[in-house]
């Protein structure tokens, strides 16, 4: 089941906040990240905070979803051309940003 209305807006905002956290590079970046992560954790609630921490620490979500499931969902829910090849390309290059860029620039092959 896909998120609806305000849930989708909140997920979009969480994603934007995560990107904002990753982009901080100025003096005091560590303190700024601490503040933003704390705020995000509070907004996620107890259960959401657990998964947020797992993601931020690189431990994965541990929700029983395989890479194949995630790649299929990505291909189905995004407008990225050739999204079905996500898993295949991640095997070669684990950098998700580079892989999505590659997918977006692929021709009809």
PDB file of N, CA and C in Angstrom:
ATOM      1  N   UNK A   1       0.843  -1.175   0.000  1.00  0.00           N
ATOM      2  CA  UNK A   1       0.000   0.000   0.000  1.00  0.00           C
ATOM      3  C   UNK A   1       0.891   1.243   0.000  1.00  0.00           C
ATOM      4  N   UNK A   2       0.620   2.161  -0.882  1.00  0.00           N
ATOM      5  CA  UNK A   2       1.396   3.391  -0.992  1.00  0.00           C
ATOM      6  C   UNK A   2       0.965   4.394   0.061  1.00  0.00           C
ATOM      7  N   UNK A   3       1.930   5.246   0.528  1.00  0.00           N
ATOM      8  CA  UNK A   3       1.558   6.285   1.479  1.00  0.00           C
ATOM      9  C   UNK A   3       0.584   7.268   0.838  1.00  0.00           C
ATOM     10  N   UNK A   4      -0.318   7.808   1.636  1.00  0.00           N
ATOM     11  CA  UNK A   4      -1.326   8.714   1.119  1.00  0.00           C
ATOM     12  C   UNK A   4      -1.156  10.102   1.728  1.00  0.00           C
ATOM     13  N   UNK A   5      -1.560  11.109   0.962  1.00  0.00           N
ATOM     14  CA  UNK A   5      -1.652  12.487   1.432  1.00  0.00           C
ATOM     15  C   UNK A   5      -0.534  12.956   2.330  1.00  0.00           C
ATOM     16  N   UNK A   6      -0.873  13.218   3.589  1.00  0.00           N
ATOM     17  CA  UNK A   6       0.097  13.789   4.518  1.00  0.00           C
ATOM     18  C   UNK A   6       1.258  12.841   4.795  1.00  0.00           C
ATOM     19  N   UNK A   7       1.021  11.513   4.737  1.00  0.00           N
ATOM     20  CA  UNK A   7       2.129  10.561   4.911  1.00  0.00           C
ATOM     21  C   UNK A   7       3.163  10.749   3.817  1.00  0.00           C
ATOM     22  N   UNK A   8       2.703  10.901   2.598  1.00  0.00           N
ATOM     23  CA  UNK A   8       3.615  11.087   1.472  1.00  0.00           C
ATOM     24  C   UNK A   8       4.370  12.411   1.613  1.00  0.00           C
ATOM     25  N   UNK A   9       3.656  13.458   2.060  1.00  0.00           N
ATOM     26  CA  UNK A   9       4.304  14.750   2.279  1.00  0.00           C
ATOM     27  C   UNK A   9       5.379  14.633   3.354  1.00  0.00           C
ATOM     28  N   UNK A  10       5.077  13.898   4.420  1.00  0.00           N
ATOM     29  CA  UNK A  10       6.049  13.725   5.506  1.00  0.00           C
ATOM     30  C   UNK A  10       7.261  12.919   5.035  1.00  0.00           C
ATOM     31  N   UNK A  11       7.020  11.864   4.246  1.00  0.00           N
ATOM     32  CA  UNK A  11       8.140  11.084   3.705  1.00  0.00           C
ATOM     33  C   UNK A  11       9.016  11.942   2.803  1.00  0.00           C
ATOM     34  N   UNK A  12       8.381  12.781   2.001  1.00  0.00           N
ATOM     35  CA  UNK A  12       9.127  13.690   1.130  1.00  0.00           C
ATOM     36  C   UNK A  12       9.966  14.643   1.970  1.00  0.00           C
ATOM     37  N   UNK A  13       9.396  15.156   3.053  1.00  0.00           N
ATOM     38  CA  UNK A  13      10.124  16.082   3.921  1.00  0.00           C
ATOM     39  C   UNK A  13      11.281  15.377   4.626  1.00  0.00           C
ATOM     40  N   UNK A  14      11.072  14.152   5.068  1.00  0.00           N
ATOM     41  CA  UNK A  14      12.153  13.387   5.698  1.00  0.00           C
ATOM     42  C   UNK A  14      13.299  13.208   4.706  1.00  0.00           C
ATOM     43  N   UNK A  15      12.964  12.866   3.475  1.00  0.00           N
ATOM     44  CA  UNK A  15      14.000  12.691   2.442  1.00  0.00           C
ATOM     45  C   UNK A  15      14.766  13.996   2.229  1.00  0.00           C
ATOM     46  N   UNK A  16      14.046  15.108   2.133  1.00  0.00           N
ATOM     47  CA  UNK A  16      14.700  16.408   1.946  1.00  0.00           C
ATOM     48  C   UNK A  16      15.604  16.726   3.129  1.00  0.00           C
ATOM     49  N   UNK A  17      15.142  16.413   4.341  1.00  0.00           N
ATOM     50  CA  UNK A  17      15.952  16.665   5.533  1.00  0.00           C
ATOM     51  C   UNK A  17      17.211  15.805   5.539  1.00  0.00           C
ATOM     52  N   UNK A  18      17.092  14.553   5.108  1.00  0.00           N
ATOM     53  CA  UNK A  18      18.266  13.687   5.031  1.00  0.00           C
ATOM     54  C   UNK A  18      19.279  14.241   4.028  1.00  0.00           C
ATOM     55  N   UNK A  19      18.787  14.742   2.902  1.00  0.00           N
ATOM     56  CA  UNK A  19      19.693  15.346   1.914  1.00  0.00           C
ATOM     57  C   UNK A  19      20.351  16.592   2.477  1.00  0.00           C
ATOM     58  N   UNK A  20      19.584  17.379   3.207  1.00  0.00           N
ATOM     59  CA  UNK A  20      20.114  18.595   3.821  1.00  0.00           C
ATOM     60  C   UNK A  20      21.225  18.235   4.813  1.00  0.00           C
ATOM     61  N   UNK A  21      21.006  17.205   5.608  1.00  0.00           N
ATOM     62  CA  UNK A  21      22.008  16.756   6.576  1.00  0.00           C
ATOM     63  C   UNK A  21      23.284  16.330   5.865  1.00  0.00           C
ATOM     64  N   UNK A  22      23.145  15.641   4.756  1.00  0.00           N
ATOM     65  CA  UNK A  22      24.332  15.147   4.047  1.00  0.00           C
ATOM     66  C   UNK A  22      25.099  16.260   3.342  1.00  0.00           C
ATOM     67  N   UNK A  23      24.446  17.385   3.075  1.00  0.00           N
ATOM     68  CA  UNK A  23      25.089  18.476   2.342  1.00  0.00           C
ATOM     69  C   UNK A  23      25.842  19.476   3.216  1.00  0.00           C
ATOM     70  N   UNK A  24      25.679  19.408   4.528  1.00  0.00           N
ATOM     71  CA  UNK A  24      26.316  20.373   5.424  1.00  0.00           C
ATOM     72  C   UNK A  24      27.823  20.159   5.451  1.00  0.00           C
ATOM     73  N   UNK A  25      28.577  21.206   5.149  1.00  0.00           N
ATOM     74  CA  UNK A  25      30.034  21.105   5.154  1.00  0.00           C
ATOM     75  C   UNK A  25      30.694  22.321   5.793  1.00  0.00           C
ATOM     76  N   UNK A  26      29.925  23.261   6.309  1.00  0.00           N
ATOM     77  CA  UNK A  26      30.481  24.493   6.850  1.00  0.00           C
ATOM     78  C   UNK A  26      31.071  24.275   8.241  1.00  0.00           C
ATOM     79  N   UNK A  27      31.693  25.328   8.757  1.00  0.00           N
ATOM     80  CA  UNK A  27      32.203  25.284  10.123  1.00  0.00           C
ATOM     81  C   UNK A  27      31.012  25.028  11.044  1.00  0.00           C
ATOM     82  N   UNK A  28      31.159  24.137  11.973  1.00  0.00           N
ATOM     83  CA  UNK A  28      30.070  23.786  12.866  1.00  0.00           C
ATOM     84  C   UNK A  28      29.122  22.756  12.278  1.00  0.00           C
ATOM     85  N   UNK A  29      29.557  22.060  11.231  1.00  0.00           N
ATOM     86  CA  UNK A  29      28.699  21.099  10.543  1.00  0.00           C
ATOM     87  C   UNK A  29      28.262  19.957  11.462  1.00  0.00           C
ATOM     88  N   UNK A  30      29.157  19.504  12.319  1.00  0.00           N
ATOM     89  CA  UNK A  30      28.821  18.387  13.202  1.00  0.00           C
ATOM     90  C   UNK A  30      27.681  18.789  14.137  1.00  0.00           C
ATOM     91  N   UNK A  31      27.794  19.968  14.732  1.00  0.00           N
ATOM     92  CA  UNK A  31      26.739  20.441  15.634  1.00  0.00           C
ATOM     93  C   UNK A  31      25.424  20.622  14.874  1.00  0.00           C
ATOM     94  N   UNK A  32      25.489  21.176  13.666  1.00  0.00           N
ATOM     95  CA  UNK A  32      24.282  21.375  12.870  1.00  0.00           C
ATOM     96  C   UNK A  32      23.631  20.047  12.531  1.00  0.00           C
ATOM     97  N   UNK A  33      24.449  19.059  12.172  1.00  0.00           N
ATOM     98  CA  UNK A  33      23.899  17.730  11.882  1.00  0.00           C
ATOM     99  C   UNK A  33      23.235  17.132  13.117  1.00  0.00           C
ATOM    100  N   UNK A  34      23.864  17.315  14.292  1.00  0.00           N
ATOM    101  CA  UNK A  34      23.285  16.800  15.533  1.00  0.00           C
ATOM    102  C   UNK A  34      21.895  17.390  15.758  1.00  0.00           C
ATOM    103  N   UNK A  35      21.762  18.690  15.555  1.00  0.00           N
ATOM    104  CA  UNK A  35      20.480  19.368  15.753  1.00  0.00           C
ATOM    105  C   UNK A  35      19.439  18.835  14.769  1.00  0.00           C
ATOM    106  N   UNK A  36      19.816  18.724  13.493  1.00  0.00           N
ATOM    107  CA  UNK A  36      18.878  18.260  12.477  1.00  0.00           C
ATOM    108  C   UNK A  36      18.475  16.807  12.691  1.00  0.00           C
ATOM    109  N   UNK A  37      19.437  15.942  13.044  1.00  0.00           N
ATOM    110  CA  UNK A  37      19.122  14.534  13.284  1.00  0.00           C
ATOM    111  C   UNK A  37      18.215  14.412  14.511  1.00  0.00           C
ATOM    112  N   UNK A  38      18.495  15.185  15.554  1.00  0.00           N
ATOM    113  CA  UNK A  38      17.639  15.154  16.748  1.00  0.00           C
ATOM    114  C   UNK A  38      16.214  15.569  16.401  1.00  0.00           C
ATOM    115  N   UNK A  39      16.070  16.622  15.613  1.00  0.00           N
ATOM    116  CA  UNK A  39      14.740  17.087  15.208  1.00  0.00           C
ATOM    117  C   UNK A  39      14.033  16.025  14.369  1.00  0.00           C
ATOM    118  N   UNK A  40      14.748  15.456  13.442  1.00  0.00           N
ATOM    119  CA  UNK A  40      14.173  14.425  12.580  1.00  0.00           C
ATOM    120  C   UNK A  40      13.765  13.211  13.410  1.00  0.00           C
ATOM    121  N   UNK A  41      14.589  12.832  14.375  1.00  0.00           N
ATOM    122  CA  UNK A  41      14.286  11.703  15.244  1.00  0.00           C
ATOM    123  C   UNK A  41      13.004  11.940  16.027  1.00  0.00           C
ATOM    124  N   UNK A  42      12.840  13.134  16.551  1.00  0.00           N
ATOM    125  CA  UNK A  42      11.625  13.470  17.293  1.00  0.00           C
ATOM    126  C   UNK A  42      10.393  13.383  16.398  1.00  0.00           C
ATOM    127  N   UNK A  43      10.504  13.885  15.173  1.00  0.00           N
ATOM    128  CA  UNK A  43       9.369  13.862  14.254  1.00  0.00           C
ATOM    129  C   UNK A  43       9.016  12.454  13.795  1.00  0.00           C
ATOM    130  N   UNK A  44       9.999  11.545  13.791  1.00  0.00           N
ATOM    131  CA  UNK A  44       9.756  10.176  13.340  1.00  0.00           C
ATOM    132  C   UNK A  44       9.065   9.326  14.404  1.00  0.00           C
ATOM    133  N   UNK A  45       9.131   9.712  15.653  1.00  0.00           N
ATOM    134  CA  UNK A  45       8.564   8.896  16.724  1.00  0.00           C
ATOM    135  C   UNK A  45       9.502   7.753  17.080  1.00  0.00           C
ATOM    136  N   UNK A  46       9.144   6.994  18.086  1.00  0.00           N
ATOM    137  CA  UNK A  46      10.023   5.949  18.617  1.00  0.00           C
ATOM    138  C   UNK A  46      10.374   4.883  17.582  1.00  0.00           C
ATOM    139  N   UNK A  47       9.365   4.345  16.910  1.00  0.00           N
ATOM    140  CA  UNK A  47       9.618   3.278  15.932  1.00  0.00           C
ATOM    141  C   UNK A  47      10.365   3.833  14.724  1.00  0.00           C
ATOM    142  N   UNK A  48       9.912   4.973  14.205  1.00  0.00           N
ATOM    143  CA  UNK A  48      10.572   5.578  13.056  1.00  0.00           C
ATOM    144  C   UNK A  48      12.014   5.950  13.357  1.00  0.00           C
ATOM    145  N   UNK A  49      12.267   6.402  14.586  1.00  0.00           N
ATOM    146  CA  UNK A  49      13.628   6.783  14.977  1.00  0.00           C
ATOM    147  C   UNK A  49      14.574   5.592  14.929  1.00  0.00           C
ATOM    148  N   UNK A  50      14.059   4.416  15.290  1.00  0.00           N
ATOM    149  CA  UNK A  50      14.877   3.203  15.237  1.00  0.00           C
ATOM    150  C   UNK A  50      15.352   2.951  13.807  1.00  0.00           C
ATOM    151  N   UNK A  51      14.439   3.052  12.853  1.00  0.00           N
ATOM    152  CA  UNK A  51      14.793   2.811  11.452  1.00  0.00           C
ATOM    153  C   UNK A  51      15.661   3.943  10.897  1.00  0.00           C
ATOM    154  N   UNK A  52      15.385   5.159  11.330  1.00  0.00           N
ATOM    155  CA  UNK A  52      16.215   6.291  10.923  1.00  0.00           C
ATOM    156  C   UNK A  52      17.657   6.076  11.372  1.00  0.00           C
ATOM    157  N   UNK A  53      17.838   5.679  12.624  1.00  0.00           N
ATOM    158  CA  UNK A  53      19.192   5.435  13.139  1.00  0.00           C
ATOM    159  C   UNK A  53      19.886   4.317  12.379  1.00  0.00           C
ATOM    160  N   UNK A  54      19.140   3.255  12.079  1.00  0.00           N
ATOM    161  CA  UNK A  54      19.732   2.160  11.302  1.00  0.00           C
ATOM    162  C   UNK A  54      20.203   2.658   9.942  1.00  0.00           C
ATOM    163  N   UNK A  55      19.368   3.483   9.295  1.00  0.00           N
ATOM    164  CA  UNK A  55      19.741   4.017   7.977  1.00  0.00           C
ATOM    165  C   UNK A  55      20.975   4.902   8.081  1.00  0.00           C
ATOM    166  N   UNK A  56      20.968   5.825   9.030  1.00  0.00           N
ATOM    167  CA  UNK A  56      22.077   6.771   9.158  1.00  0.00           C
ATOM    168  C   UNK A  56      23.386   6.080   9.504  1.00  0.00           C
ATOM    169  N   UNK A  57      23.310   4.981  10.248  1.00  0.00           N
ATOM    170  CA  UNK A  57      24.513   4.248  10.627  1.00  0.00           C
ATOM    171  C   UNK A  57      24.926   3.212   9.588  1.00  0.00           C
ATOM    172  N   UNK A  58      24.115   3.086   8.523  1.00  0.00           N
ATOM    173  CA  UNK A  58      24.470   2.165   7.444  1.00  0.00           C
ATOM    174  C   UNK A  58      24.198   0.708   7.744  1.00  0.00           C
ATOM    175  N   UNK A  59      23.317   0.424   8.703  1.00  0.00           N
ATOM    176  CA  UNK A  59      23.021  -0.958   9.077  1.00  0.00           C
ATOM    177  C   UNK A  59      21.860  -1.564   8.303  1.00  0.00           C
ATOM    178  N   UNK A  60      21.223  -0.782   7.459  1.00  0.00           N
ATOM    179  CA  UNK A  60      20.057  -1.274   6.746  1.00  0.00           C
ATOM    180  C   UNK A  60      18.842  -1.258   7.659  1.00  0.00           C
ATOM    181  N   UNK A  61      17.687  -1.422   7.080  1.00  0.00           N
ATOM    182  CA  UNK A  61      16.452  -1.317   7.857  1.00  0.00           C
ATOM    183  C   UNK A  61      16.087  -2.608   8.588  1.00  0.00           C
ATOM    184  N   UNK A  62      16.571  -3.740   8.112  1.00  0.00           N
ATOM    185  CA  UNK A  62      16.254  -5.049   8.677  1.00  0.00           C
ATOM    186  C   UNK A  62      14.745  -5.266   8.775  1.00  0.00           C
ATOM    187  N   UNK A  63      14.082  -5.077   7.640  1.00  0.00           N
ATOM    188  CA  UNK A  63      12.628  -5.253   7.598  1.00  0.00           C
ATOM    189  C   UNK A  63      12.235  -6.440   6.727  1.00  0.00           C
ATOM    190  N   UNK A  64      13.217  -7.225   6.313  1.00  0.00           N
ATOM    191  CA  UNK A  64      12.914  -8.407   5.521  1.00  0.00           C
ATOM    192  C   UNK A  64      12.771  -8.158   4.032  1.00  0.00           C
ATOM    193  N   UNK A  65      13.071  -6.952   3.587  1.00  0.00           N
ATOM    194  CA  UNK A  65      12.991  -6.648   2.161  1.00  0.00           C
ATOM    195  C   UNK A  65      14.346  -6.924   1.523  1.00  0.00           C
ATOM    196  N   UNK A  66      14.332  -7.740   0.507  1.00  0.00           N
ATOM    197  CA  UNK A  66      15.579  -8.072  -0.177  1.00  0.00           C
ATOM    198  C   UNK A  66      15.962  -6.948  -1.142  1.00  0.00           C
ATOM    199  N   UNK A  67      17.185  -7.011  -1.622  1.00  0.00           N
ATOM    200  CA  UNK A  67      17.628  -6.040  -2.625  1.00  0.00           C
ATOM    201  C   UNK A  67      16.753  -6.128  -3.874  1.00  0.00           C
ATOM    202  N   UNK A  68      16.361  -7.346  -4.217  1.00  0.00           N
ATOM    203  CA  UNK A  68      15.519  -7.538  -5.397  1.00  0.00           C
ATOM    204  C   UNK A  68      14.168  -6.846  -5.206  1.00  0.00           C
ATOM    205  N   UNK A  69      13.596  -6.963  -4.011  1.00  0.00           N
ATOM    206  CA  UNK A  69      12.323  -6.302  -3.708  1.00  0.00           C
ATOM    207  C   UNK A  69      12.472  -4.794  -3.811  1.00  0.00           C
ATOM    208  N   UNK A  70      13.555  -4.263  -3.249  1.00  0.00           N
ATOM    209  CA  UNK A  70      13.780  -2.824  -3.276  1.00  0.00           C
ATOM    210  C   UNK A  70      13.976  -2.327  -4.711  1.00  0.00           C
ATOM    211  N   UNK A  71      14.712  -3.077  -5.512  1.00  0.00           N
ATOM    212  CA  UNK A  71      14.934  -2.683  -6.904  1.00  0.00           C
ATOM    213  C   UNK A  71      13.629  -2.705  -7.694  1.00  0.00           C
ATOM    214  N   UNK A  72      12.798  -3.708  -7.438  1.00  0.00           N
ATOM    215  CA  UNK A  72      11.506  -3.795  -8.134  1.00  0.00           C
ATOM    216  C   UNK A  72      10.618  -2.612  -7.745  1.00  0.00           C
ATOM    217  N   UNK A  73      10.609  -2.268  -6.465  1.00  0.00           N
ATOM    218  CA  UNK A  73       9.813  -1.123  -6.004  1.00  0.00           C
ATOM    219  C   UNK A  73      10.333   0.170  -6.623  1.00  0.00           C
ATOM    220  N   UNK A  74      11.650   0.302  -6.684  1.00  0.00           N
ATOM    221  CA  UNK A  74      12.267   1.478  -7.293  1.00  0.00           C
ATOM    222  C   UNK A  74      11.830   1.604  -8.747  1.00  0.00           C
ATOM    223  N   UNK A  75      11.925   0.513  -9.474  1.00  0.00           N
ATOM    224  CA  UNK A  75      11.564   0.531 -10.895  1.00  0.00           C
ATOM    225  C   UNK A  75      10.092   0.867 -11.093  1.00  0.00           C
ATOM    226  N   UNK A  76       9.249   0.362 -10.220  1.00  0.00           N
ATOM    227  CA  UNK A  76       7.813   0.574 -10.349  1.00  0.00           C
ATOM    228  C   UNK A  76       7.397   1.985  -9.959  1.00  0.00           C
ATOM    229  N   UNK A  77       8.020   2.572  -8.953  1.00  0.00           N
ATOM    230  CA  UNK A  77       7.544   3.831  -8.386  1.00  0.00           C
ATOM    231  C   UNK A  77       8.289   5.073  -8.858  1.00  0.00           C
ATOM    232  N   UNK A  78       9.338   4.924  -9.627  1.00  0.00           N
ATOM    233  CA  UNK A  78      10.074   6.100 -10.090  1.00  0.00           C
ATOM    234  C   UNK A  78       9.882   6.307 -11.575  1.00  0.00           C
ATOM    235  N   UNK A  79      10.255   7.474 -12.010  1.00  0.00           N
ATOM    236  CA  UNK A  79      10.203   7.778 -13.436  1.00  0.00           C
ATOM    237  C   UNK A  79      11.571   7.602 -14.084  1.00  0.00           C
ATOM    238  N   UNK A  80      12.497   6.981 -13.352  1.00  0.00           N
ATOM    239  CA  UNK A  80      13.841   6.768 -13.884  1.00  0.00           C
ATOM    240  C   UNK A  80      13.776   5.678 -14.940  1.00  0.00           C
ATOM    241  N   UNK A  81      14.201   6.017 -16.176  1.00  0.00           N
ATOM    242  CA  UNK A  81      14.198   4.990 -17.223  1.00  0.00           C
ATOM    243  C   UNK A  81      15.116   3.828 -16.849  1.00  0.00           C
ATOM    244  N   UNK A  82      14.755   2.654 -17.228  1.00  0.00           N
ATOM    245  CA  UNK A  82      15.557   1.447 -16.988  1.00  0.00           C
ATOM    246  C   UNK A  82      15.730   1.150 -15.506  1.00  0.00           C
ATOM    247  N   UNK A  83      14.785   1.588 -14.673  1.00  0.00           N
ATOM    248  CA  UNK A  83      14.860   1.359 -13.238  1.00  0.00           C
ATOM    249  C   UNK A  83      14.972  -0.109 -12.875  1.00  0.00           C
ATOM    250  N   UNK A  84      14.453  -0.982 -13.747  1.00  0.00           N
ATOM    251  CA  UNK A  84      14.523  -2.424 -13.499  1.00  0.00           C
ATOM    252  C   UNK A  84      15.965  -2.934 -13.467  1.00  0.00           C
ATOM    253  N   UNK A  85      16.912  -2.140 -13.962  1.00  0.00           N
ATOM    254  CA  UNK A  85      18.318  -2.551 -13.986  1.00  0.00           C
ATOM    255  C   UNK A  85      19.084  -2.069 -12.756  1.00  0.00           C
ATOM    256  N   UNK A  86      18.398  -1.458 -11.795  1.00  0.00           N
ATOM    257  CA  UNK A  86      19.048  -0.903 -10.615  1.00  0.00           C
ATOM    258  C   UNK A  86      19.931  -1.927  -9.905  1.00  0.00           C
ATOM    259  N   UNK A  87      19.373  -3.068  -9.581  1.00  0.00           N
ATOM    260  CA  UNK A  87      20.114  -4.080  -8.833  1.00  0.00           C
ATOM    261  C   UNK A  87      21.346  -4.548  -9.600  1.00  0.00           C
ATOM    262  N   UNK A  88      21.162  -4.799 -10.867  1.00  0.00           N
ATOM    263  CA  UNK A  88      22.276  -5.240 -11.726  1.00  0.00           C
ATOM    264  C   UNK A  88      23.422  -4.223 -11.701  1.00  0.00           C
ATOM    265  N   UNK A  89      23.083  -2.942 -11.817  1.00  0.00           N
ATOM    266  CA  UNK A  89      24.113  -1.901 -11.846  1.00  0.00           C
ATOM    267  C   UNK A  89      24.733  -1.654 -10.472  1.00  0.00           C
ATOM    268  N   UNK A  90      23.949  -1.856  -9.406  1.00  0.00           N
ATOM    269  CA  UNK A  90      24.510  -1.703  -8.059  1.00  0.00           C
ATOM    270  C   UNK A  90      25.528  -2.791  -7.738  1.00  0.00           C
ATOM    271  N   UNK A  91      25.399  -3.949  -8.387  1.00  0.00           N
ATOM    272  CA  UNK A  91      26.388  -5.017  -8.199  1.00  0.00           C
ATOM    273  C   UNK A  91      27.757  -4.572  -8.712  1.00  0.00           C
ATOM    274  N   UNK A  92      27.760  -3.769  -9.779  1.00  0.00           N
ATOM    275  CA  UNK A  92      28.997  -3.281 -10.387  1.00  0.00           C
ATOM    276  C   UNK A  92      29.510  -2.043  -9.657  1.00  0.00           C
ATOM    277  N   UNK A  93      28.588  -1.155  -9.282  1.00  0.00           N
ATOM    278  CA  UNK A  93      28.955   0.104  -8.638  1.00  0.00           C
ATOM    279  C   UNK A  93      27.968   0.374  -7.504  1.00  0.00           C
ATOM    280  N   UNK A  94      28.397   0.282  -6.237  1.00  0.00           N
ATOM    281  CA  UNK A  94      27.467   0.460  -5.120  1.00  0.00           C
ATOM    282  C   UNK A  94      27.060   1.913  -4.847  1.00  0.00           C
ATOM    283  N   UNK A  95      27.560   2.855  -5.621  1.00  0.00           N
ATOM    284  CA  UNK A  95      27.215   4.268  -5.438  1.00  0.00           C
ATOM    285  C   UNK A  95      25.858   4.542  -6.076  1.00  0.00           C
ATOM    286  N   UNK A  96      24.811   4.625  -5.244  1.00  0.00           N
ATOM    287  CA  UNK A  96      23.441   4.766  -5.742  1.00  0.00           C
ATOM    288  C   UNK A  96      23.263   6.018  -6.590  1.00  0.00           C
ATOM    289  N   UNK A  97      23.915   7.119  -6.212  1.00  0.00           N
ATOM    290  CA  UNK A  97      23.788   8.351  -6.994  1.00  0.00           C
ATOM    291  C   UNK A  97      24.323   8.152  -8.413  1.00  0.00           C
ATOM    292  N   UNK A  98      25.487   7.530  -8.507  1.00  0.00           N
ATOM    293  CA  UNK A  98      26.088   7.295  -9.819  1.00  0.00           C
ATOM    294  C   UNK A  98      25.226   6.336 -10.647  1.00  0.00           C
ATOM    295  N   UNK A  99      24.669   5.324 -10.001  1.00  0.00           N
ATOM    296  CA  UNK A  99      23.837   4.353 -10.713  1.00  0.00           C
ATOM    297  C   UNK A  99      22.574   5.019 -11.255  1.00  0.00           C
ATOM    298  N   UNK A 100      21.911   5.838 -10.427  1.00  0.00           N
ATOM    299  CA  UNK A 100      20.706   6.520 -10.899  1.00  0.00           C
ATOM    300  C   UNK A 100      21.052   7.470 -12.046  1.00  0.00           C
ATOM    301  N   UNK A 101      22.180   8.171 -11.942  1.00  0.00           N
ATOM    302  CA  UNK A 101      22.623   9.032 -13.050  1.00  0.00           C
ATOM    303  C   UNK A 101      22.814   8.210 -14.317  1.00  0.00           C
ATOM    304  N   UNK A 102      23.433   7.042 -14.188  1.00  0.00           N
ATOM    305  CA  UNK A 102      23.641   6.155 -15.329  1.00  0.00           C
ATOM    306  C   UNK A 102      22.301   5.734 -15.925  1.00  0.00           C
ATOM    307  N   UNK A 103      21.364   5.340 -15.070  1.00  0.00           N
ATOM    308  CA  UNK A 103      20.046   4.909 -15.543  1.00  0.00           C
ATOM    309  C   UNK A 103      19.340   6.027 -16.308  1.00  0.00           C
ATOM    310  N   UNK A 104      19.488   7.247 -15.821  1.00  0.00           N
ATOM    311  CA  UNK A 104      18.799   8.368 -16.451  1.00  0.00           C
ATOM    312  C   UNK A 104      19.389   8.728 -17.815  1.00  0.00           C
ATOM    313  N   UNK A 105      20.633   8.376 -18.035  1.00  0.00           N
ATOM    314  CA  UNK A 105      21.285   8.734 -19.301  1.00  0.00           C
ATOM    315  C   UNK A 105      21.375   7.568 -20.289  1.00  0.00           C
ATOM    316  N   UNK A 106      20.864   6.391 -19.900  1.00  0.00           N
ATOM    317  CA  UNK A 106      20.923   5.233 -20.786  1.00  0.00           C
ATOM    318  C   UNK A 106      19.988   5.425 -21.972  1.00  0.00           C
ATOM    319  N   UNK A 107      20.415   4.914 -23.110  1.00  0.00           N
ATOM    320  CA  UNK A 107      19.529   4.941 -24.274  1.00  0.00           C
ATOM    321  C   UNK A 107      18.586   3.741 -24.218  1.00  0.00           C
ATOM    322  N   UNK A 108      17.969   3.390 -25.290  1.00  0.00           N
ATOM    323  CA  UNK A 108      16.972   2.331 -25.342  1.00  0.00           C
ATOM    324  C   UNK A 108      17.490   0.926 -25.149  1.00  0.00           C
ATOM    325  N   UNK A 109      18.721   0.742 -24.714  1.00  0.00           N
ATOM    326  CA  UNK A 109      19.271  -0.612 -24.584  1.00  0.00           C
ATOM    327  C   UNK A 109      18.720  -1.354 -23.400  1.00  0.00           C
TER     328      UNK A 109
END
